[in-house]
Amino acid sequence: MNQLSWASQAHVEQDLILSRSLVELFANPLVSELVALR
């Protein structure tokens, strides 16, 4: 499997930024108890 899921490098960067933001957000105990994502 040698296909990319992203159309451009900008999409890769955006995905990494969003992923890291979610990690930081859910590192907060209050947020992790009150918020759910699906």
N, C-alpha and C. Protein backbone atom coordinates (compact mmCIF):
# COMPACT_ATOMS: atom_id res chain seq x y z
N MET A 1 0.86 -1.18 0.00
CA MET A 1 0.00 0.00 0.00
C MET A 1 0.90 1.23 0.00
N ASN A 2 0.93 1.91 -1.10
CA ASN A 2 1.83 3.04 -1.26
C ASN A 2 1.09 4.31 -1.66
N GLN A 3 -0.17 4.43 -1.21
CA GLN A 3 -0.96 5.60 -1.56
C GLN A 3 -1.04 6.56 -0.38
N LEU A 4 -1.10 7.83 -0.70
CA LEU A 4 -1.27 8.85 0.33
C LEU A 4 -2.74 9.17 0.50
N SER A 5 -3.14 9.46 1.71
CA SER A 5 -4.52 9.83 1.99
C SER A 5 -4.77 11.33 1.78
N TRP A 6 -3.71 12.09 1.60
CA TRP A 6 -3.82 13.53 1.51
C TRP A 6 -3.55 13.99 0.07
N ALA A 7 -4.26 15.03 -0.33
CA ALA A 7 -4.11 15.54 -1.69
C ALA A 7 -2.85 16.39 -1.85
N SER A 8 -2.38 16.99 -0.75
CA SER A 8 -1.19 17.84 -0.84
C SER A 8 -0.45 17.84 0.49
N GLN A 9 0.76 18.38 0.48
CA GLN A 9 1.55 18.50 1.70
C GLN A 9 0.86 19.42 2.71
N ALA A 10 0.11 20.40 2.22
CA ALA A 10 -0.61 21.31 3.12
C ALA A 10 -1.65 20.54 3.93
N HIS A 11 -2.26 19.54 3.32
CA HIS A 11 -3.23 18.72 4.05
C HIS A 11 -2.55 17.88 5.12
N VAL A 12 -1.37 17.41 4.84
CA VAL A 12 -0.60 16.65 5.84
C VAL A 12 -0.30 17.54 7.03
N GLU A 13 0.17 18.75 6.76
CA GLU A 13 0.50 19.69 7.83
C GLU A 13 -0.75 20.02 8.65
N GLN A 14 -1.86 20.26 7.98
CA GLN A 14 -3.11 20.57 8.67
C GLN A 14 -3.53 19.40 9.57
N ASP A 15 -3.40 18.18 9.07
CA ASP A 15 -3.76 17.00 9.85
C ASP A 15 -2.88 16.89 11.10
N LEU A 16 -1.60 17.15 10.96
CA LEU A 16 -0.69 17.08 12.10
C LEU A 16 -1.01 18.16 13.14
N ILE A 17 -1.35 19.35 12.68
CA ILE A 17 -1.71 20.44 13.59
C ILE A 17 -2.98 20.08 14.36
N LEU A 18 -3.98 19.58 13.65
CA LEU A 18 -5.23 19.20 14.31
C LEU A 18 -5.02 18.07 15.31
N SER A 19 -4.21 17.08 14.93
CA SER A 19 -3.94 15.95 15.83
C SER A 19 -3.24 16.42 17.09
N ARG A 20 -2.24 17.26 16.93
CA ARG A 20 -1.50 17.75 18.10
C ARG A 20 -2.39 18.62 18.99
N SER A 21 -3.27 19.39 18.38
CA SER A 21 -4.20 20.23 19.14
C SER A 21 -5.14 19.38 19.98
N LEU A 22 -5.62 18.29 19.42
CA LEU A 22 -6.49 17.39 20.17
C LEU A 22 -5.77 16.74 21.34
N VAL A 23 -4.52 16.36 21.12
CA VAL A 23 -3.72 15.78 22.21
C VAL A 23 -3.60 16.77 23.35
N GLU A 24 -3.27 18.01 23.03
CA GLU A 24 -3.13 19.04 24.06
C GLU A 24 -4.45 19.33 24.76
N LEU A 25 -5.52 19.39 24.01
CA LEU A 25 -6.84 19.65 24.57
C LEU A 25 -7.24 18.56 25.57
N PHE A 26 -7.08 17.31 25.17
CA PHE A 26 -7.50 16.21 26.03
C PHE A 26 -6.50 15.87 27.12
N ALA A 27 -5.37 16.54 27.15
CA ALA A 27 -4.43 16.39 28.27
C ALA A 27 -4.98 17.08 29.51
N ASN A 28 -5.91 17.98 29.32
CA ASN A 28 -6.57 18.66 30.44
C ASN A 28 -7.60 17.70 31.04
N PRO A 29 -7.47 17.33 32.33
CA PRO A 29 -8.38 16.36 32.94
C PRO A 29 -9.85 16.77 32.87
N LEU A 30 -10.14 18.04 33.06
CA LEU A 30 -11.53 18.48 33.00
C LEU A 30 -12.11 18.28 31.60
N VAL A 31 -11.36 18.66 30.61
CA VAL A 31 -11.82 18.49 29.22
C VAL A 31 -12.01 17.01 28.91
N SER A 32 -11.06 16.18 29.30
CA SER A 32 -11.16 14.76 28.97
C SER A 32 -12.34 14.08 29.65
N GLU A 33 -12.79 14.63 30.79
CA GLU A 33 -13.97 14.06 31.46
C GLU A 33 -15.28 14.55 30.84
N LEU A 34 -15.29 15.76 30.31
CA LEU A 34 -16.54 16.37 29.87
C LEU A 34 -16.78 16.33 28.36
N VAL A 35 -15.76 16.06 27.58
CA VAL A 35 -15.88 16.12 26.13
C VAL A 35 -15.63 14.74 25.53
N ALA A 36 -16.42 14.42 24.51
CA ALA A 36 -16.23 13.16 23.80
C ALA A 36 -16.22 13.44 22.30
N LEU A 37 -15.37 12.75 21.58
CA LEU A 37 -15.31 12.85 20.12
C LEU A 37 -15.63 11.49 19.53
N ARG A 38 -16.22 11.51 18.37
CA ARG A 38 -16.42 10.25 17.67
C ARG A 38 -16.10 10.40 16.22
